[in-house]
């Protein structure tokens, strides 16, 4: 399980005067298949306030406690604030590195 990870990435995105906190949750269990029958879980969403972000972090830590006891490494990453355009550009670079144009399309849809 040493390559397994529970990662929460939070990116504040500035839209005019408003800030939206985009987040991505990822739990990867290696090796797979394994006795737990899980390869991982993925999700994403948005929060409106810093208080909601703090609740999200606490919930993620609590939700992954059992995996952590089994050796899954916990990471909570808080990215610097980006504008909508900067966020799209960062995601485009990530997608290009993975050669995954579907990711870019999904990013555009998330921002609508």
C-alpha atoms as a PDB file:
ATOM      1  CA  UNK A   1       0.000   0.000   0.000  1.00  0.00           C
ATOM      2  CA  UNK A   2       3.013   2.318   0.048  1.00  0.00           C
ATOM      3  CA  UNK A   3       2.035   3.825  -3.342  1.00  0.00           C
ATOM      4  CA  UNK A   4      -1.576   4.358  -2.225  1.00  0.00           C
ATOM      5  CA  UNK A   5      -2.767   7.902  -1.634  1.00  0.00           C
ATOM      6  CA  UNK A   6      -5.768   9.883  -0.404  1.00  0.00           C
ATOM      7  CA  UNK A   7      -5.451  13.364  -1.902  1.00  0.00           C
ATOM      8  CA  UNK A   8      -7.651  16.442  -1.605  1.00  0.00           C
ATOM      9  CA  UNK A   9      -6.683  19.364  -3.852  1.00  0.00           C
ATOM     10  CA  UNK A  10      -8.337  22.744  -3.291  1.00  0.00           C
ATOM     11  CA  UNK A  11      -7.973  25.608  -5.765  1.00  0.00           C
ATOM     12  CA  UNK A  12      -9.527  29.024  -5.117  1.00  0.00           C
ATOM     13  CA  UNK A  13     -10.781  30.506  -8.398  1.00  0.00           C
ATOM     14  CA  UNK A  14     -11.503  34.231  -8.616  1.00  0.00           C
ATOM     15  CA  UNK A  15     -14.502  35.216 -10.723  1.00  0.00           C
ATOM     16  CA  UNK A  16     -14.808  38.973 -10.607  1.00  0.00           C
ATOM     17  CA  UNK A  17     -15.259  39.782  -6.913  1.00  0.00           C
ATOM     18  CA  UNK A  18     -16.297  36.224  -6.016  1.00  0.00           C
ATOM     19  CA  UNK A  19     -14.040  33.294  -5.072  1.00  0.00           C
ATOM     20  CA  UNK A  20     -15.124  29.708  -5.694  1.00  0.00           C
ATOM     21  CA  UNK A  21     -13.133  26.876  -4.112  1.00  0.00           C
ATOM     22  CA  UNK A  22     -12.868  24.014  -6.619  1.00  0.00           C
ATOM     23  CA  UNK A  23     -11.817  20.700  -5.116  1.00  0.00           C
ATOM     24  CA  UNK A  24     -10.791  17.294  -6.351  1.00  0.00           C
ATOM     25  CA  UNK A  25     -10.818  14.172  -4.189  1.00  0.00           C
ATOM     26  CA  UNK A  26      -8.793  11.142  -5.158  1.00  0.00           C
ATOM     27  CA  UNK A  27      -8.149   7.897  -3.317  1.00  0.00           C
ATOM     28  CA  UNK A  28      -5.883   5.464  -5.155  1.00  0.00           C
ATOM     29  CA  UNK A  29      -5.340   1.990  -3.706  1.00  0.00           C
ATOM     30  CA  UNK A  30      -2.311   0.077  -5.001  1.00  0.00           C
ATOM     31  CA  UNK A  31      -1.846  -2.659  -5.903  1.00  0.00           C
ATOM     32  CA  UNK A  32      -5.140  -3.501  -7.531  1.00  0.00           C
ATOM     33  CA  UNK A  33      -6.703  -6.042  -7.348  1.00  0.00           C
ATOM     34  CA  UNK A  34      -6.288  -6.233  -3.590  1.00  0.00           C
ATOM     35  CA  UNK A  35      -8.057  -7.899  -0.653  1.00  0.00           C
ATOM     36  CA  UNK A  36     -10.183  -4.770  -0.149  1.00  0.00           C
ATOM     37  CA  UNK A  37     -11.695  -4.949  -3.633  1.00  0.00           C
ATOM     38  CA  UNK A  38     -11.088  -1.266  -4.279  1.00  0.00           C
ATOM     39  CA  UNK A  39      -8.885   0.540  -6.778  1.00  0.00           C
ATOM     40  CA  UNK A  40      -9.946   3.939  -5.525  1.00  0.00           C
ATOM     41  CA  UNK A  41     -12.506   6.700  -5.641  1.00  0.00           C
ATOM     42  CA  UNK A  42     -12.602  10.068  -7.412  1.00  0.00           C
ATOM     43  CA  UNK A  43     -14.758  13.145  -7.125  1.00  0.00           C
ATOM     44  CA  UNK A  44     -14.878  16.903  -7.529  1.00  0.00           C
ATOM     45  CA  UNK A  45     -17.001  19.851  -6.606  1.00  0.00           C
ATOM     46  CA  UNK A  46     -17.030  23.414  -5.367  1.00  0.00           C
ATOM     47  CA  UNK A  47     -17.440  25.301  -2.121  1.00  0.00           C
ATOM     48  CA  UNK A  48     -18.459  28.922  -1.584  1.00  0.00           C
ATOM     49  CA  UNK A  49     -16.693  29.875   1.658  1.00  0.00           C
ATOM     50  CA  UNK A  50     -13.510  29.216   3.590  1.00  0.00           C
ATOM     51  CA  UNK A  51     -15.633  27.726   6.395  1.00  0.00           C
ATOM     52  CA  UNK A  52     -17.079  25.185   3.925  1.00  0.00           C
ATOM     53  CA  UNK A  53     -13.532  24.359   2.795  1.00  0.00           C
ATOM     54  CA  UNK A  54     -12.461  23.708   6.395  1.00  0.00           C
ATOM     55  CA  UNK A  55     -15.472  21.406   6.861  1.00  0.00           C
ATOM     56  CA  UNK A  56     -14.564  19.613   3.624  1.00  0.00           C
ATOM     57  CA  UNK A  57     -10.990  19.048   4.823  1.00  0.00           C
ATOM     58  CA  UNK A  58     -12.141  17.659   8.182  1.00  0.00           C
ATOM     59  CA  UNK A  59     -14.693  15.407   6.469  1.00  0.00           C
ATOM     60  CA  UNK A  60     -12.081  14.108   3.999  1.00  0.00           C
ATOM     61  CA  UNK A  61      -9.610  13.360   6.800  1.00  0.00           C
ATOM     62  CA  UNK A  62     -12.312  11.559   8.778  1.00  0.00           C
ATOM     63  CA  UNK A  63     -13.639   9.693   5.746  1.00  0.00           C
ATOM     64  CA  UNK A  64     -10.151   8.372   4.880  1.00  0.00           C
ATOM     65  CA  UNK A  65      -9.127   7.387   8.436  1.00  0.00           C
ATOM     66  CA  UNK A  66      -9.624   3.656   7.814  1.00  0.00           C
ATOM     67  CA  UNK A  67      -7.521   3.821   4.647  1.00  0.00           C
ATOM     68  CA  UNK A  68      -4.827   5.772   6.505  1.00  0.00           C
ATOM     69  CA  UNK A  69      -4.644   3.035   9.160  1.00  0.00           C
ATOM     70  CA  UNK A  70      -3.926   0.594   6.336  1.00  0.00           C
ATOM     71  CA  UNK A  71      -1.002   2.703   5.116  1.00  0.00           C
ATOM     72  CA  UNK A  72      -2.624   5.068   2.616  1.00  0.00           C
ATOM     73  CA  UNK A  73      -0.810   8.426   2.630  1.00  0.00           C
ATOM     74  CA  UNK A  74      -3.010  11.501   3.225  1.00  0.00           C
ATOM     75  CA  UNK A  75      -2.339  14.718   1.297  1.00  0.00           C
ATOM     76  CA  UNK A  76      -4.290  17.969   1.492  1.00  0.00           C
ATOM     77  CA  UNK A  77      -3.022  20.438  -1.108  1.00  0.00           C
ATOM     78  CA  UNK A  78      -4.121  24.068  -1.175  1.00  0.00           C
ATOM     79  CA  UNK A  79      -3.202  25.675  -4.471  1.00  0.00           C
ATOM     80  CA  UNK A  80      -2.721  29.423  -4.871  1.00  0.00           C
ATOM     81  CA  UNK A  81      -5.655  31.530  -6.059  1.00  0.00           C
ATOM     82  CA  UNK A  82      -6.189  31.509  -9.837  1.00  0.00           C
ATOM     83  CA  UNK A  83      -8.490  33.333 -12.230  1.00  0.00           C
ATOM     84  CA  UNK A  84     -10.861  31.315 -14.451  1.00  0.00           C
ATOM     85  CA  UNK A  85      -8.448  31.682 -17.375  1.00  0.00           C
ATOM     86  CA  UNK A  86      -5.414  30.652 -15.322  1.00  0.00           C
ATOM     87  CA  UNK A  87      -7.306  27.597 -14.049  1.00  0.00           C
ATOM     88  CA  UNK A  88      -8.257  26.538 -17.577  1.00  0.00           C
ATOM     89  CA  UNK A  89      -4.672  27.009 -18.751  1.00  0.00           C
ATOM     90  CA  UNK A  90      -3.262  24.941 -15.888  1.00  0.00           C
ATOM     91  CA  UNK A  91      -5.733  22.159 -16.627  1.00  0.00           C
ATOM     92  CA  UNK A  92      -4.895  22.320 -20.359  1.00  0.00           C
ATOM     93  CA  UNK A  93      -1.221  21.793 -19.557  1.00  0.00           C
ATOM     94  CA  UNK A  94      -2.099  18.854 -17.284  1.00  0.00           C
ATOM     95  CA  UNK A  95      -4.298  17.362 -20.020  1.00  0.00           C
ATOM     96  CA  UNK A  96      -1.602  17.844 -22.661  1.00  0.00           C
ATOM     97  CA  UNK A  97       0.882  16.050 -20.427  1.00  0.00           C
ATOM     98  CA  UNK A  98      -1.583  13.166 -20.185  1.00  0.00           C
ATOM     99  CA  UNK A  99      -2.638  13.562 -23.830  1.00  0.00           C
ATOM    100  CA  UNK A 100      -6.267  13.727 -22.688  1.00  0.00           C
ATOM    101  CA  UNK A 101      -8.382  16.262 -24.592  1.00  0.00           C
ATOM    102  CA  UNK A 102     -11.511  15.090 -22.762  1.00  0.00           C
ATOM    103  CA  UNK A 103     -10.121  16.634 -19.559  1.00  0.00           C
ATOM    104  CA  UNK A 104      -9.945  20.062 -21.230  1.00  0.00           C
ATOM    105  CA  UNK A 105     -13.567  19.801 -22.383  1.00  0.00           C
ATOM    106  CA  UNK A 106     -14.650  18.795 -18.871  1.00  0.00           C
ATOM    107  CA  UNK A 107     -12.819  21.767 -17.376  1.00  0.00           C
ATOM    108  CA  UNK A 108     -14.646  24.153 -19.681  1.00  0.00           C
ATOM    109  CA  UNK A 109     -17.986  22.609 -18.659  1.00  0.00           C
ATOM    110  CA  UNK A 110     -17.148  22.929 -14.941  1.00  0.00           C
ATOM    111  CA  UNK A 111     -16.689  26.669 -15.308  1.00  0.00           C
ATOM    112  CA  UNK A 112     -20.046  27.306 -17.006  1.00  0.00           C
END
